[in-house]
C-alpha atoms as a PDB file:
ATOM      1  CA  MET A   1     121.129 119.323  83.621  1.00  0.00           C
ATOM      2  CA  ALA A   2     122.526 120.190  79.974  1.00  0.00           C
ATOM      3  CA  ILE A   3     124.104 116.766  79.786  1.00  0.00           C
ATOM      4  CA  PHE A   4     120.945 115.505  80.907  1.00  0.00           C
ATOM      5  CA  ARG A   5     119.184 116.765  78.094  1.00  0.00           C
ATOM      6  CA  ALA A   6     121.377 116.241  75.467  1.00  0.00           C
ATOM      7  CA  VAL A   7     121.755 112.510  76.360  1.00  0.00           C
ATOM      8  CA  ARG A   8     117.852 112.429  76.122  1.00  0.00           C
ATOM      9  CA  SER A   9     117.557 113.947  72.857  1.00  0.00           C
ATOM     10  CA  LEU A  10     120.860 111.416  71.651  1.00  0.00           C
ATOM     11  CA  THR A  11     119.145 108.451  72.005  1.00  0.00           C
ATOM     12  CA  LYS A  12     115.740 109.294  71.198  1.00  0.00           C
ATOM     13  CA  SER A  13     115.759 106.820  69.003  1.00  0.00           C
ATOM     14  CA  PHE A  14     115.697 103.922  72.030  1.00  0.00           C
ATOM     15  CA  GLU A  15     112.566 105.092  73.142  1.00  0.00           C
ATOM     16  CA  GLY A  16     109.363 102.194  72.440  1.00  0.00           C
ATOM     17  CA  SER A  17     105.834 103.144  72.108  1.00  0.00           C
ATOM     18  CA  ASN A  18     105.977 103.043  75.771  1.00  0.00           C
ATOM     19  CA  PRO A  19     108.229 106.635  76.883  1.00  0.00           C
ATOM     20  CA  THR A  20     108.391 105.440  80.319  1.00  0.00           C
ATOM     21  CA  TRP A  21     110.604 102.069  79.163  1.00  0.00           C
ATOM     22  CA  VAL A  22     114.186 102.923  77.307  1.00  0.00           C
ATOM     23  CA  LYS A  23     115.592 100.051  75.319  1.00  0.00           C
ATOM     24  CA  ARG A  24     118.835  99.170  75.166  1.00  0.00           C
ATOM     25  CA  ALA A  25     121.549  98.345  72.251  1.00  0.00           C
ATOM     26  CA  LYS A  26     121.507  94.792  71.839  1.00  0.00           C
ATOM     27  CA  GLU A  27     124.808  94.701  68.998  1.00  0.00           C
ATOM     28  CA  PRO A  28     127.654  96.917  68.130  1.00  0.00           C
ATOM     29  CA  ASP A  29     125.882  98.327  65.127  1.00  0.00           C
ATOM     30  CA  GLN A  30     123.363  99.882  67.134  1.00  0.00           C
ATOM     31  CA  LEU A  31     125.438 101.939  69.577  1.00  0.00           C
ATOM     32  CA  LEU A  32     125.391 105.608  69.151  1.00  0.00           C
ATOM     33  CA  ASN A  33     128.993 106.887  67.494  1.00  0.00           C
ATOM     34  CA  VAL A  34     129.098 110.595  68.531  1.00  0.00           C
ATOM     35  CA  THR A  35     132.182 112.828  67.795  1.00  0.00           C
ATOM     36  CA  ARG A  36     133.275 114.885  70.505  1.00  0.00           C
ATOM     37  CA  SER A  37     132.856 118.667  68.594  1.00  0.00           C
ATOM     38  CA  LYS A  38     129.392 116.840  67.957  1.00  0.00           C
ATOM     39  CA  MET A  39     128.772 116.494  71.553  1.00  0.00           C
ATOM     40  CA  ASP A  40     130.447 120.069  72.518  1.00  0.00           C
ATOM     41  CA  GLU A  41     127.842 121.734  70.461  1.00  0.00           C
ATOM     42  CA  MET A  42     124.825 120.031  71.825  1.00  0.00           C
ATOM     43  CA  PHE A  43     126.305 120.896  75.626  1.00  0.00           C
ATOM     44  CA  GLN A  44     126.620 124.300  74.549  1.00  0.00           C
ATOM     45  CA  ALA A  45     123.286 124.652  72.565  1.00  0.00           C
ATOM     46  CA  GLU A  46     121.299 123.235  76.181  1.00  0.00           C
ATOM     47  CA  GLN A  47     123.566 125.488  78.183  1.00  0.00           C
ATOM     48  CA  LEU A  48     122.085 128.158  76.324  1.00  0.00           C
ATOM     49  CA  PHE A  49     118.542 127.190  76.067  1.00  0.00           C
ATOM     50  CA  LEU A  50     119.018 126.731  80.231  1.00  0.00           C
ATOM     51  CA  LYS A  51     120.651 130.328  80.851  1.00  0.00           C
ATOM     52  CA  TYR A  52     118.093 131.401  78.766  1.00  0.00           C
ATOM     53  CA  ARG A  53     115.209 130.115  80.781  1.00  0.00           C
ATOM     54  CA  LEU A  54     116.181 130.664  84.014  1.00  0.00           C
ATOM     55  CA  GLY A  55     117.003 134.377  83.786  1.00  0.00           C
ATOM     56  CA  ALA A  56     113.571 135.048  83.030  1.00  0.00           C
ATOM     57  CA  ILE A  57     112.835 133.932  86.678  1.00  0.00           C
ATOM     58  CA  HIS A  58     112.466 135.839  89.600  1.00  0.00           C
ATOM     59  CA  ARG A  59     115.428 134.394  91.908  1.00  0.00           C
ATOM     60  CA  THR A  60     114.631 134.802  95.460  1.00  0.00           C
ATOM     61  CA  THR A  61     117.380 135.673  98.169  1.00  0.00           C
ATOM     62  CA  ALA A  62     116.105 132.742 100.380  1.00  0.00           C
ATOM     63  CA  PRO A  63     118.027 130.395 102.118  1.00  0.00           C
ATOM     64  CA  VAL A  64     117.755 126.771 100.202  1.00  0.00           C
ATOM     65  CA  SER A  65     119.346 122.848 101.028  1.00  0.00           C
ATOM     66  CA  LEU A  66     118.840 119.699  99.207  1.00  0.00           C
ATOM     67  CA  VAL A  67     118.638 116.670 101.284  1.00  0.00           C
ATOM     68  CA  THR A  68     118.950 113.735  99.726  1.00  0.00           C
ATOM     69  CA  ALA A  69     117.337 110.706 101.516  1.00  0.00           C
ATOM     70  CA  ASP A  70     114.528 108.078 102.382  1.00  0.00           C
ATOM     71  CA  SER A  71     111.082 109.330 102.684  1.00  0.00           C
ATOM     72  CA  ALA A  72     110.718 106.551 105.316  1.00  0.00           C
ATOM     73  CA  ALA A  73     113.520 107.524 106.997  1.00  0.00           C
ATOM     74  CA  LEU A  74     114.116 111.644 106.982  1.00  0.00           C
ATOM     75  CA  PRO A  75     116.881 113.438 108.278  1.00  0.00           C
ATOM     76  CA  VAL A  76     114.292 115.651 109.673  1.00  0.00           C
ATOM     77  CA  SER A  77     113.782 116.827 113.772  1.00  0.00           C
ATOM     78  CA  SER A  78     110.244 116.094 114.759  1.00  0.00           C
ATOM     79  CA  ARG A  79     107.818 118.317 115.038  1.00  0.00           C
ATOM     80  CA  SER A  80     109.628 120.854 112.971  1.00  0.00           C
ATOM     81  CA  VAL A  81     108.372 121.108 109.479  1.00  0.00           C
ATOM     82  CA  ASP A  82     105.655 123.678 108.634  1.00  0.00           C
ATOM     83  CA  VAL A  83     105.183 122.647 105.123  1.00  0.00           C
ATOM     84  CA  ILE A  84     104.674 120.151 103.057  1.00  0.00           C
ATOM     85  CA  VAL A  85     104.552 119.887  99.054  1.00  0.00           C
ATOM     86  CA  THR A  86     104.995 115.922  97.491  1.00  0.00           C
ATOM     87  CA  SER A  87     103.468 114.133  94.887  1.00  0.00           C
ATOM     88  CA  PRO A  88     104.557 110.017  95.517  1.00  0.00           C
ATOM     89  CA  PRO A  89     104.867 107.880  92.566  1.00  0.00           C
ATOM     90  CA  TYR A  90     101.802 105.990  91.832  1.00  0.00           C
ATOM     91  CA  LEU A  91     100.661 102.967  91.697  1.00  0.00           C
ATOM     92  CA  THR A  92     100.967 102.631  87.866  1.00  0.00           C
ATOM     93  CA  ARG A  93     103.882 100.270  87.374  1.00  0.00           C
ATOM     94  CA  ILE A  94     105.678 103.064  85.625  1.00  0.00           C
ATOM     95  CA  ASP A  95     109.577 102.057  86.151  1.00  0.00           C
ATOM     96  CA  TYR A  96     110.909 105.467  87.058  1.00  0.00           C
ATOM     97  CA  ALA A  97     114.638 103.999  87.286  1.00  0.00           C
ATOM     98  CA  VAL A  98     114.226 102.860  83.950  1.00  0.00           C
ATOM     99  CA  ALA A  99     112.187 105.555  83.089  1.00  0.00           C
ATOM    100  CA  TYR A 100     115.347 107.606  84.160  1.00  0.00           C
ATOM    101  CA  ALA A 101     118.498 105.523  83.464  1.00  0.00           C
ATOM    102  CA  ARG A 102     119.856 107.927  80.763  1.00  0.00           C
ATOM    103  CA  GLU A 103     119.996 110.373  83.375  1.00  0.00           C
ATOM    104  CA  LEU A 104     121.153 107.538  85.992  1.00  0.00           C
ATOM    105  CA  ALA A 105     124.121 106.480  83.685  1.00  0.00           C
ATOM    106  CA  VAL A 106     125.266 109.466  83.515  1.00  0.00           C
ATOM    107  CA  LEU A 107     126.040 110.071  86.949  1.00  0.00           C
ATOM    108  CA  GLY A 108     127.447 106.451  86.795  1.00  0.00           C
ATOM    109  CA  ILE A 109     124.638 104.376  87.543  1.00  0.00           C
ATOM    110  CA  ASP A 110     123.274 101.252  85.586  1.00  0.00           C
ATOM    111  CA  VAL A 111     119.934 100.798  86.662  1.00  0.00           C
ATOM    112  CA  PHE A 112     120.199  97.482  84.493  1.00  0.00           C
ATOM    113  CA  SER A 113     122.763  95.371  85.878  1.00  0.00           C
ATOM    114  CA  GLU A 114     123.206  96.917  89.773  1.00  0.00           C
ATOM    115  CA  LYS A 115     119.810  97.052  90.776  1.00  0.00           C
ATOM    116  CA  LYS A 116     119.709  98.116  94.254  1.00  0.00           C
ATOM    117  CA  LEU A 117     118.739 101.612  93.688  1.00  0.00           C
ATOM    118  CA  ARG A 118     115.924 100.803  91.365  1.00  0.00           C
ATOM    119  CA  LYS A 119     114.481  98.164  93.664  1.00  0.00           C
ATOM    120  CA  ALA A 120     114.406 100.860  96.619  1.00  0.00           C
ATOM    121  CA  LEU A 121     112.338 103.517  94.947  1.00  0.00           C
ATOM    122  CA  MET A 122     108.793 103.416  95.688  1.00  0.00           C
ATOM    123  CA  GLY A 123     106.709 101.910  92.948  1.00  0.00           C
ATOM    124  CA  THR A 124     108.988  99.513  91.596  1.00  0.00           C
ATOM    125  CA  THR A 125     108.294  97.038  89.536  1.00  0.00           C
ATOM    126  CA  LEU A 126     110.770  94.652  91.005  1.00  0.00           C
ATOM    127  CA  THR A 127     110.148  92.954  94.353  1.00  0.00           C
ATOM    128  CA  ARG A 128     111.776  92.945  98.250  1.00  0.00           C
ATOM    129  CA  ALA A 129     111.612  90.045 100.449  1.00  0.00           C
ATOM    130  CA  SER A 130     109.363  92.219 103.368  1.00  0.00           C
ATOM    131  CA  SER A 131     106.748  94.829 102.331  1.00  0.00           C
ATOM    132  CA  SER A 132     104.988  94.698 105.339  1.00  0.00           C
ATOM    133  CA  SER A 133     103.696  97.927 107.035  1.00  0.00           C
ATOM    134  CA  ARG A 134     105.094  99.165 109.854  1.00  0.00           C
ATOM    135  CA  ASN A 135     101.521 100.450 110.949  1.00  0.00           C
ATOM    136  CA  GLY A 136      99.175  98.174 109.262  1.00  0.00           C
ATOM    137  CA  LEU A 137      97.290  99.430 106.008  1.00  0.00           C
ATOM    138  CA  GLY A 138      93.443 100.888 106.473  1.00  0.00           C
ATOM    139  CA  SER A 139      90.009  99.495 105.092  1.00  0.00           C
ATOM    140  CA  LYS A 140      90.959 101.050 101.631  1.00  0.00           C
ATOM    141  CA  ALA A 141      94.095  99.709 100.917  1.00  0.00           C
ATOM    142  CA  ASN A 142      93.447  95.949 102.286  1.00  0.00           C
ATOM    143  CA  ASP A 143      90.079  96.273  99.929  1.00  0.00           C
ATOM    144  CA  LEU A 144      92.540  97.115  97.105  1.00  0.00           C
ATOM    145  CA  LEU A 145      94.527  93.836  98.140  1.00  0.00           C
ATOM    146  CA  LEU A 146      91.940  92.113  98.007  1.00  0.00           C
ATOM    147  CA  GLU A 147      90.345  92.766  94.587  1.00  0.00           C
ATOM    148  CA  ILE A 148      93.569  92.366  93.273  1.00  0.00           C
ATOM    149  CA  SER A 149      94.310  88.710  94.663  1.00  0.00           C
ATOM    150  CA  ARG A 150      90.933  87.325  93.360  1.00  0.00           C
ATOM    151  CA  HIS A 151      91.624  88.757  90.146  1.00  0.00           C
ATOM    152  CA  GLU A 152      91.487  85.896  87.106  1.00  0.00           C
ATOM    153  CA  SER A 153      94.309  87.438  85.586  1.00  0.00           C
ATOM    154  CA  LYS A 154      97.879  85.205  86.111  1.00  0.00           C
ATOM    155  CA  ALA A 155     100.154  86.044  88.936  1.00  0.00           C
ATOM    156  CA  SER A 156      97.391  88.199  90.496  1.00  0.00           C
ATOM    157  CA  SER A 157      97.555  86.581  93.584  1.00  0.00           C
ATOM    158  CA  SER A 158     101.091  86.191  93.911  1.00  0.00           C
ATOM    159  CA  TYR A 159     103.267  88.880  92.221  1.00  0.00           C
ATOM    160  CA  TYR A 160     100.672  91.993  91.344  1.00  0.00           C
ATOM    161  CA  MET A 161      99.602  91.514  95.140  1.00  0.00           C
ATOM    162  CA  LYS A 162     102.935  91.811  96.516  1.00  0.00           C
ATOM    163  CA  GLN A 163     104.027  94.764  94.682  1.00  0.00           C
ATOM    164  CA  ALA A 164     101.152  96.209  95.202  1.00  0.00           C
ATOM    165  CA  ASN A 165     101.449  95.463  99.214  1.00  0.00           C
ATOM    166  CA  GLN A 166     104.835  97.092  98.915  1.00  0.00           C
ATOM    167  CA  TYR A 167     104.016 100.163  97.081  1.00  0.00           C
ATOM    168  CA  LEU A 168     100.600 100.937  99.976  1.00  0.00           C
ATOM    169  CA  ALA A 169     103.447  99.815 102.537  1.00  0.00           C
ATOM    170  CA  ASP A 170     106.010 102.530 101.479  1.00  0.00           C
ATOM    171  CA  LEU A 171     103.340 104.921 101.371  1.00  0.00           C
ATOM    172  CA  ASN A 172     102.242 104.015 104.612  1.00  0.00           C
ATOM    173  CA  ALA A 173     106.258 104.141 105.368  1.00  0.00           C
ATOM    174  CA  GLY A 174     106.342 107.936 104.114  1.00  0.00           C
ATOM    175  CA  MET A 175     102.697 109.213 105.968  1.00  0.00           C
ATOM    176  CA  LEU A 176     104.634 108.432 109.340  1.00  0.00           C
ATOM    177  CA  GLU A 177     107.485 109.889 108.651  1.00  0.00           C
ATOM    178  CA  ALA A 178     105.530 113.146 107.429  1.00  0.00           C
ATOM    179  CA  ALA A 179     103.542 113.131 110.563  1.00  0.00           C
ATOM    180  CA  ARG A 180     106.986 112.610 112.960  1.00  0.00           C
ATOM    181  CA  VAL A 181     108.405 115.909 111.367  1.00  0.00           C
ATOM    182  CA  SER A 182     105.596 118.285 110.901  1.00  0.00           C
ATOM    183  CA  LYS A 183     104.498 121.280 113.733  1.00  0.00           C
ATOM    184  CA  HIS A 184     100.969 120.909 114.424  1.00  0.00           C
ATOM    185  CA  SER A 185      98.814 122.896 112.277  1.00  0.00           C
ATOM    186  CA  ALA A 186     101.320 122.124 109.412  1.00  0.00           C
ATOM    187  CA  GLU A 187      99.675 122.068 106.059  1.00  0.00           C
ATOM    188  CA  MET A 188     100.762 118.641 103.269  1.00  0.00           C
ATOM    189  CA  HIS A 189      99.848 119.009  99.973  1.00  0.00           C
ATOM    190  CA  LEU A 190      99.605 115.876  97.667  1.00  0.00           C
ATOM    191  CA  VAL A 191      98.833 115.383  93.975  1.00  0.00           C
ATOM    192  CA  VAL A 192      98.278 112.186  93.208  1.00  0.00           C
ATOM    193  CA  GLN A 193      96.474 109.983  90.442  1.00  0.00           C
ATOM    194  CA  ASP A 194      94.201 106.935  90.479  1.00  0.00           C
ATOM    195  CA  SER A 195      94.889 104.017  88.158  1.00  0.00           C
ATOM    196  CA  TYR A 196      93.542 100.662  87.228  1.00  0.00           C
ATOM    197  CA  TYR A 197      94.747  97.290  87.775  1.00  0.00           C
ATOM    198  CA  LYS A 198      93.528  95.427  84.693  1.00  0.00           C
ATOM    199  CA  ASP A 199      89.991  96.505  85.930  1.00  0.00           C
ATOM    200  CA  VAL A 200      90.003  96.936  88.968  1.00  0.00           C
ATOM    201  CA  LEU A 201      90.012 100.939  90.209  1.00  0.00           C
ATOM    202  CA  VAL A 202      92.895 101.935  92.011  1.00  0.00           C
ATOM    203  CA  PRO A 203      91.308 104.709  93.997  1.00  0.00           C
ATOM    204  CA  LEU A 204      94.965 106.104  95.287  1.00  0.00           C
ATOM    205  CA  ALA A 205      93.365 109.812  96.224  1.00  0.00           C
ATOM    206  CA  GLU A 206      90.942 107.874  98.579  1.00  0.00           C
ATOM    207  CA  ILE A 207      93.744 105.505  99.927  1.00  0.00           C
ATOM    208  CA  CYS A 208      96.116 108.555 100.865  1.00  0.00           C
ATOM    209  CA  ILE A 209      93.352 110.154 102.580  1.00  0.00           C
ATOM    210  CA  GLU A 210      92.712 107.626 104.561  1.00  0.00           C
ATOM    211  CA  GLU A 211      95.924 106.613 105.318  1.00  0.00           C
ATOM    212  CA  ALA A 212      97.220 110.397 106.398  1.00  0.00           C
ATOM    213  CA  GLN A 213      94.070 110.720 108.520  1.00  0.00           C
ATOM    214  CA  ARG A 214      95.226 107.436 110.359  1.00  0.00           C
ATOM    215  CA  GLN A 215      98.339 109.627 111.144  1.00  0.00           C
ATOM    216  CA  GLY A 216      96.444 112.465 112.470  1.00  0.00           C
ATOM    217  CA  TRP A 217      96.027 115.018 109.399  1.00  0.00           C
ATOM    218  CA  GLU A 218      92.694 116.210 108.716  1.00  0.00           C
ATOM    219  CA  LEU A 219      91.512 116.868 105.038  1.00  0.00           C
ATOM    220  CA  GLN A 220      90.562 120.280 104.034  1.00  0.00           C
ATOM    221  CA  ALA A 221      90.496 120.316 100.472  1.00  0.00           C
ATOM    222  CA  HIS A 222      89.995 117.505  97.830  1.00  0.00           C
ATOM    223  CA  GLU A 223      89.986 119.010  94.348  1.00  0.00           C
ATOM    224  CA  GLU A 224      90.097 116.470  91.471  1.00  0.00           C
ATOM    225  CA  PHE A 225      91.180 116.976  87.554  1.00  0.00           C
ATOM    226  CA  PRO A 226      89.985 114.377  84.670  1.00  0.00           C
ATOM    227  CA  VAL A 227      93.184 112.779  83.339  1.00  0.00           C
ATOM    228  CA  ARG A 228      92.500 112.671  79.236  1.00  0.00           C
ATOM    229  CA  ARG A 229      95.695 110.570  78.517  1.00  0.00           C
ATOM    230  CA  LEU A 230      96.926 107.519  80.666  1.00  0.00           C
ATOM    231  CA  LEU A 231     100.787 106.289  80.189  1.00  0.00           C
ATOM    232  CA  THR A 232      99.781 102.987  81.721  1.00  0.00           C
ATOM    233  CA  ALA A 233      96.894 103.082  78.379  1.00  0.00           C
ATOM    234  CA  LEU A 234     100.216 102.373  76.370  1.00  0.00           C
ATOM    235  CA  ASN A 235     100.416  98.803  77.334  1.00  0.00           C
ATOM    236  CA  THR A 236      98.844  97.093  74.898  1.00  0.00           C
ATOM    237  CA  SER A 237      97.461  94.384  77.255  1.00  0.00           C
ATOM    238  CA  ALA A 238      96.037  96.062  79.576  1.00  0.00           C
ATOM    239  CA  GLN A 239      94.097  97.642  76.675  1.00  0.00           C
ATOM    240  CA  ALA A 240      91.800  94.528  76.595  1.00  0.00           C
ATOM    241  CA  TYR A 241      90.726  95.399  80.457  1.00  0.00           C
ATOM    242  CA  LYS A 242      87.514  98.480  80.468  1.00  0.00           C
ATOM    243  CA  LYS A 243      88.533 101.163  82.348  1.00  0.00           C
ATOM    244  CA  GLY A 244      86.554 103.963  83.687  1.00  0.00           C
ATOM    245  CA  ASP A 245      87.683 107.423  83.855  1.00  0.00           C
ATOM    246  CA  VAL A 246      90.186 108.127  86.052  1.00  0.00           C
ATOM    247  CA  SER A 247      90.929 112.030  87.918  1.00  0.00           C
ATOM    248  CA  GLU A 248      94.462 113.013  89.095  1.00  0.00           C
ATOM    249  CA  SER A 249      94.013 114.796  92.621  1.00  0.00           C
ATOM    250  CA  VAL A 250      95.341 117.636  94.435  1.00  0.00           C
ATOM    251  CA  ILE A 251      94.771 116.853  98.175  1.00  0.00           C
ATOM    252  CA  THR A 252      95.140 119.313 101.290  1.00  0.00           C
ATOM    253  CA  PHE A 253      96.057 118.402 104.792  1.00  0.00           C
ATOM    254  CA  VAL A 254      96.429 120.163 108.255  1.00  0.00           C
ATOM    255  CA  LYS A 255      98.447 118.408 110.711  1.00  0.00           C
ATOM    256  CA  GLY A 256      96.007 117.674 113.399  1.00  0.00           C
ATOM    257  CA  LYS A 257      96.480 117.863 117.770  1.00  0.00           C
ATOM    258  CA  HIS A 258      96.174 114.296 118.186  1.00  0.00           C
ATOM    259  CA  ASP A 259      99.625 113.335 117.073  1.00  0.00           C
END
């Protein structure tokens, strides 16, 4: 974590007006030249900062296992999970692999030249060969796809509709897997945010509720919080379309009996 923080600080100049997109050096004179002693100094400073922050947190003796997996193929036994807390990527066209390109570069992954990881992520702006849902989609998701495909802006019926369909198929696959691994009466807590495609509202909270209910989850609570600042609004071309207010939602479900 100290290395990640130091590298992000060093490369601050590679961030543009959109903080989720990282530029690359195109010419040799744009490359950073940092001495070993300066790097060592930054690493130590970040380590001290993290040590201070972690020292203020009450430690628990509960056992922890960290597992990396595809949300649509979890290495977890069926009906074994009590609680799910998650915030899936939003349908905002933010390329999360590029947003964390510097951290991934530290781990030896170049998301610009090797696109396998970037293409596999939910919400990616790259489209795959096939993106059909294993379980079909609910009416709200299909209504959104129809609105996008009928939009007058360029590539709405081709690339943008395909990218939205791919996202919704990934969301649906994750919902299916969450239902599989959860016990009866398990809880699932989602944090999601609505957004816009041009001037078309993307009601992600409503879509998530419908998709979850189709998998046997019963809605317990839906609390909305107004969003004052949208990262997608940083795109100047997107500002040409009229948009309304959007909300971030905390949604709570309980697994029903008909699963």
